[in-house]
Structures are given as structure tokens and as C-alpha cells.
C-alpha atoms as a PDB file:
ATOM      1  CA  MET A   1     -21.757 139.050 125.141  1.00  0.00           C
ATOM      2  CA  LYS A   2     -19.430 139.102 128.294  1.00  0.00           C
ATOM      3  CA  ILE A   3     -20.873 138.140 132.118  1.00  0.00           C
ATOM      4  CA  LEU A   4     -19.632 138.414 134.898  1.00  0.00           C
ATOM      5  CA  ILE A   5     -20.114 135.747 137.190  1.00  0.00           C
ATOM      6  CA  CYS A   6     -20.054 136.247 141.325  1.00  0.00           C
ATOM      7  CA  GLU A   7     -20.828 132.903 143.173  1.00  0.00           C
ATOM      8  CA  ASP A   8     -18.319 131.102 145.972  1.00  0.00           C
ATOM      9  CA  GLU A   9     -19.812 127.538 145.369  1.00  0.00           C
ATOM     10  CA  GLU A  10     -17.349 126.643 143.218  1.00  0.00           C
ATOM     11  CA  ILE A  11     -18.855 123.828 141.601  1.00  0.00           C
ATOM     12  CA  MET A  12     -22.113 126.073 140.980  1.00  0.00           C
ATOM     13  CA  LEU A  13     -19.717 129.025 139.302  1.00  0.00           C
ATOM     14  CA  THR A  14     -17.546 126.126 137.699  1.00  0.00           C
ATOM     15  CA  ALA A  15     -21.622 124.698 136.496  1.00  0.00           C
ATOM     16  CA  LEU A  16     -22.290 128.387 135.521  1.00  0.00           C
ATOM     17  CA  GLU A  17     -19.426 129.221 133.749  1.00  0.00           C
ATOM     18  CA  PHE A  18     -19.099 126.172 131.232  1.00  0.00           C
ATOM     19  CA  ARG A  19     -23.159 126.608 130.594  1.00  0.00           C
ATOM     20  CA  LEU A  20     -22.792 129.981 130.005  1.00  0.00           C
ATOM     21  CA  ARG A  21     -19.732 130.041 127.382  1.00  0.00           C
ATOM     22  CA  LYS A  22     -21.800 127.156 125.175  1.00  0.00           C
ATOM     23  CA  HIS A  23     -24.443 129.846 124.537  1.00  0.00           C
ATOM     24  CA  GLY A  24     -21.374 131.690 123.779  1.00  0.00           C
ATOM     25  CA  TYR A  25     -21.311 133.971 126.218  1.00  0.00           C
ATOM     26  CA  GLU A  26     -18.092 135.162 127.854  1.00  0.00           C
ATOM     27  CA  ILE A  27     -17.692 134.315 131.416  1.00  0.00           C
ATOM     28  CA  MET A  28     -15.349 136.135 133.984  1.00  0.00           C
ATOM     29  CA  ARG A  29     -15.623 135.091 137.459  1.00  0.00           C
ATOM     30  CA  ALA A  30     -15.568 135.570 140.985  1.00  0.00           C
ATOM     31  CA  LYS A  31     -15.560 133.346 144.084  1.00  0.00           C
ATOM     32  CA  ASN A  32     -16.375 136.690 145.954  1.00  0.00           C
ATOM     33  CA  GLY A  33     -16.870 140.052 146.134  1.00  0.00           C
ATOM     34  CA  LYS A  34     -13.845 141.313 147.067  1.00  0.00           C
ATOM     35  CA  LEU A  35     -13.107 140.092 143.645  1.00  0.00           C
ATOM     36  CA  ALA A  36     -16.095 141.185 142.366  1.00  0.00           C
ATOM     37  CA  LEU A  37     -15.271 144.340 142.724  1.00  0.00           C
ATOM     38  CA  GLU A  38     -11.307 144.457 140.889  1.00  0.00           C
ATOM     39  CA  ILE A  39     -12.641 142.792 138.417  1.00  0.00           C
ATOM     40  CA  LEU A  40     -15.706 145.518 137.984  1.00  0.00           C
ATOM     41  CA  LYS A  41     -12.289 148.572 138.781  1.00  0.00           C
ATOM     42  CA  THR A  42     -10.740 147.224 134.736  1.00  0.00           C
ATOM     43  CA  GLU A  43     -13.791 145.297 133.177  1.00  0.00           C
ATOM     44  CA  THR A  44     -17.502 145.984 131.742  1.00  0.00           C
ATOM     45  CA  PRO A  45     -19.314 143.355 131.258  1.00  0.00           C
ATOM     46  CA  ASP A  46     -22.931 143.556 129.896  1.00  0.00           C
ATOM     47  CA  LEU A  47     -24.332 141.995 132.619  1.00  0.00           C
ATOM     48  CA  VAL A  48     -23.398 140.847 136.406  1.00  0.00           C
ATOM     49  CA  VAL A  49     -25.259 137.604 138.203  1.00  0.00           C
ATOM     50  CA  ALA A  50     -24.582 137.604 141.732  1.00  0.00           C
ATOM     51  CA  ASP A  51     -25.482 135.212 144.428  1.00  0.00           C
ATOM     52  CA  ILE A  52     -26.018 137.964 147.870  1.00  0.00           C
ATOM     53  CA  MET A  53     -24.424 136.046 150.008  1.00  0.00           C
ATOM     54  CA  MET A  54     -20.787 136.396 149.454  1.00  0.00           C
ATOM     55  CA  PRO A  55     -17.474 136.036 151.562  1.00  0.00           C
ATOM     56  CA  TYR A  56     -16.259 139.871 152.184  1.00  0.00           C
ATOM     57  CA  VAL A  57     -17.991 141.705 150.087  1.00  0.00           C
ATOM     58  CA  THR A  58     -22.134 141.058 149.668  1.00  0.00           C
ATOM     59  CA  GLY A  59     -24.120 140.833 146.544  1.00  0.00           C
ATOM     60  CA  LEU A  60     -26.077 143.715 147.843  1.00  0.00           C
ATOM     61  CA  GLU A  61     -22.936 145.269 148.314  1.00  0.00           C
ATOM     62  CA  LEU A  62     -21.739 144.319 145.302  1.00  0.00           C
ATOM     63  CA  ILE A  63     -25.557 146.418 143.805  1.00  0.00           C
ATOM     64  CA  ASN A  64     -24.527 149.328 145.212  1.00  0.00           C
ATOM     65  CA  TYR A  65     -20.678 149.483 143.750  1.00  0.00           C
ATOM     66  CA  VAL A  66     -21.713 149.444 140.129  1.00  0.00           C
ATOM     67  CA  ARG A  67     -25.257 151.732 140.597  1.00  0.00           C
ATOM     68  CA  ASN A  68     -23.719 154.067 143.229  1.00  0.00           C
ATOM     69  CA  GLU A  69     -20.083 154.058 142.832  1.00  0.00           C
ATOM     70  CA  LEU A  70     -19.250 152.794 138.794  1.00  0.00           C
ATOM     71  CA  GLN A  71     -22.791 154.493 137.828  1.00  0.00           C
ATOM     72  CA  LEU A  72     -23.179 151.844 135.801  1.00  0.00           C
ATOM     73  CA  GLU A  73     -26.798 151.073 134.253  1.00  0.00           C
ATOM     74  CA  ILE A  74     -24.986 147.100 133.353  1.00  0.00           C
ATOM     75  CA  PRO A  75     -27.883 144.739 134.057  1.00  0.00           C
ATOM     76  CA  ILE A  76     -27.533 142.708 137.376  1.00  0.00           C
ATOM     77  CA  ILE A  77     -29.011 139.370 138.280  1.00  0.00           C
ATOM     78  CA  ILE A  78     -29.525 138.353 141.791  1.00  0.00           C
ATOM     79  CA  ILE A  79     -29.068 134.276 142.919  1.00  0.00           C
ATOM     80  CA  SER A  80     -31.054 134.072 146.462  1.00  0.00           C
ATOM     81  CA  ALA A  81     -31.460 131.005 148.808  1.00  0.00           C
ATOM     82  CA  LEU A  82     -35.184 130.532 149.935  1.00  0.00           C
ATOM     83  CA  GLU A  83     -34.694 131.912 152.926  1.00  0.00           C
ATOM     84  CA  GLU A  84     -34.012 135.707 152.278  1.00  0.00           C
ATOM     85  CA  ASP A  85     -37.125 137.331 150.430  1.00  0.00           C
ATOM     86  CA  GLU A  86     -36.056 140.846 152.552  1.00  0.00           C
ATOM     87  CA  THR A  87     -33.004 141.061 151.706  1.00  0.00           C
ATOM     88  CA  VAL A  88     -34.471 140.083 147.434  1.00  0.00           C
ATOM     89  CA  LEU A  89     -36.791 143.425 147.920  1.00  0.00           C
ATOM     90  CA  GLU A  90     -33.854 145.042 148.928  1.00  0.00           C
ATOM     91  CA  ALA A  91     -31.341 144.111 146.358  1.00  0.00           C
ATOM     92  CA  PHE A  92     -34.353 145.210 144.059  1.00  0.00           C
ATOM     93  CA  ARG A  93     -34.632 148.587 145.447  1.00  0.00           C
ATOM     94  CA  MET A  94     -30.726 148.692 145.373  1.00  0.00           C
ATOM     95  CA  GLY A  95     -31.025 148.006 141.018  1.00  0.00           C
ATOM     96  CA  ALA A  96     -31.175 144.157 140.292  1.00  0.00           C
ATOM     97  CA  ASN A  97     -32.752 143.544 137.136  1.00  0.00           C
ATOM     98  CA  ASP A  98     -34.252 140.261 138.613  1.00  0.00           C
ATOM     99  CA  PHE A  99     -33.167 137.254 140.748  1.00  0.00           C
ATOM    100  CA  VAL A 100     -33.265 133.130 140.725  1.00  0.00           C
ATOM    101  CA  THR A 101     -34.169 131.390 143.636  1.00  0.00           C
ATOM    102  CA  LYS A 102     -31.851 128.604 145.226  1.00  0.00           C
ATOM    103  CA  PRO A 103     -31.972 125.745 144.011  1.00  0.00           C
ATOM    104  CA  PHE A 104     -32.437 126.420 140.148  1.00  0.00           C
ATOM    105  CA  LYS A 105     -31.787 125.056 136.996  1.00  0.00           C
ATOM    106  CA  PRO A 106     -28.550 126.012 135.215  1.00  0.00           C
ATOM    107  CA  ASN A 107     -31.544 126.668 131.504  1.00  0.00           C
ATOM    108  CA  GLU A 108     -34.104 129.230 133.524  1.00  0.00           C
ATOM    109  CA  LEU A 109     -31.079 130.901 134.733  1.00  0.00           C
ATOM    110  CA  ILE A 110     -29.437 131.225 130.419  1.00  0.00           C
ATOM    111  CA  LEU A 111     -33.717 131.832 129.639  1.00  0.00           C
ATOM    112  CA  ARG A 112     -33.820 135.099 131.482  1.00  0.00           C
ATOM    113  CA  ILE A 113     -30.777 136.655 130.895  1.00  0.00           C
ATOM    114  CA  LYS A 114     -31.303 135.812 127.204  1.00  0.00           C
ATOM    115  CA  LYS A 115     -34.881 138.025 127.765  1.00  0.00           C
ATOM    116  CA  ILE A 116     -32.449 140.904 129.096  1.00  0.00           C
ATOM    117  CA  PHE A 117     -30.778 140.735 126.926  1.00  0.00           C
ATOM    118  CA  GLN A 118     -33.323 140.777 124.013  1.00  0.00           C
ATOM    119  CA  ASP A 119     -34.866 143.391 125.629  1.00  0.00           C
ATOM    120  CA  ILE A 120     -31.808 145.544 126.173  1.00  0.00           C
ATOM    121  CA  ALA A 121     -32.080 144.732 121.645  1.00  0.00           C
ATOM    122  CA  LEU A 122     -35.293 145.810 121.657  1.00  0.00           C
ATOM    123  CA  ALA A 123     -34.398 149.324 123.864  1.00  0.00           C
ATOM    124  CA  LYS A 124     -32.509 149.900 121.248  1.00  0.00           C
ATOM    125  CA  LEU A 125     -34.486 150.221 118.078  1.00  0.00           C
END
């Protein structure tokens, strides 16, 4: 399974990449929303994990691009700080599938990713 991680904090991006690779996922990394859009023009990941607040292109703009421009139904998990409640609600309205609040433990995100992939597999049965 291929996961695109969009996170502007280098330490967080590297930590997530390391953890997810250990669980057998193929990782594409984007340190800002603009790079994420560039990747999505040529690649179709199985899942997107995106921070809400990123330079150049926000997580909301990324959701909009995936859902409306590309018209893809790939799952999107957003990462947000606690004070961004209204933005998280907007992300769900736009088509996000789940969210994780910063700070979080990487295992929490991994469990959510596994659950989404499990749900997709069950839906195909």
C-alpha cells in the first residue's frame, strides 16, 4: 500500500515515514502542499495523510484537489492542532475520512490507517 504523507514539520515527516515503512507501507513524502499536488499529478496513492496547516497549499485545498479536480475517492486522514476545530469540520465536509489531533502517538495514526485499509478490503467482499 502506498501512502502520501504531507507534513511541513521535517521531524514529524521523518518519524511518520520511518514508522510507516516499518509496517510495510510504501511512502511518498511532501514537505508542503505544493509538492503534494505535484506528486498527485503523476501518482495515485492508496491513502493521503495531510497536515491541515501547510505552506503554499493547505490541507483543505489538498482535499478539494483530490475530491474535485482528480475526482478520487482515496481515503484522506488529516492531522490538525487542537485549536483548529472549525477547520477539521470543514475538512470532513469536503471529504476527509478521519483526523488525528496533534500531538499524537504514531501508533494511533497507524491503527487508523490499518482500520481504513481493513474497511476498504471488507467493502470489496
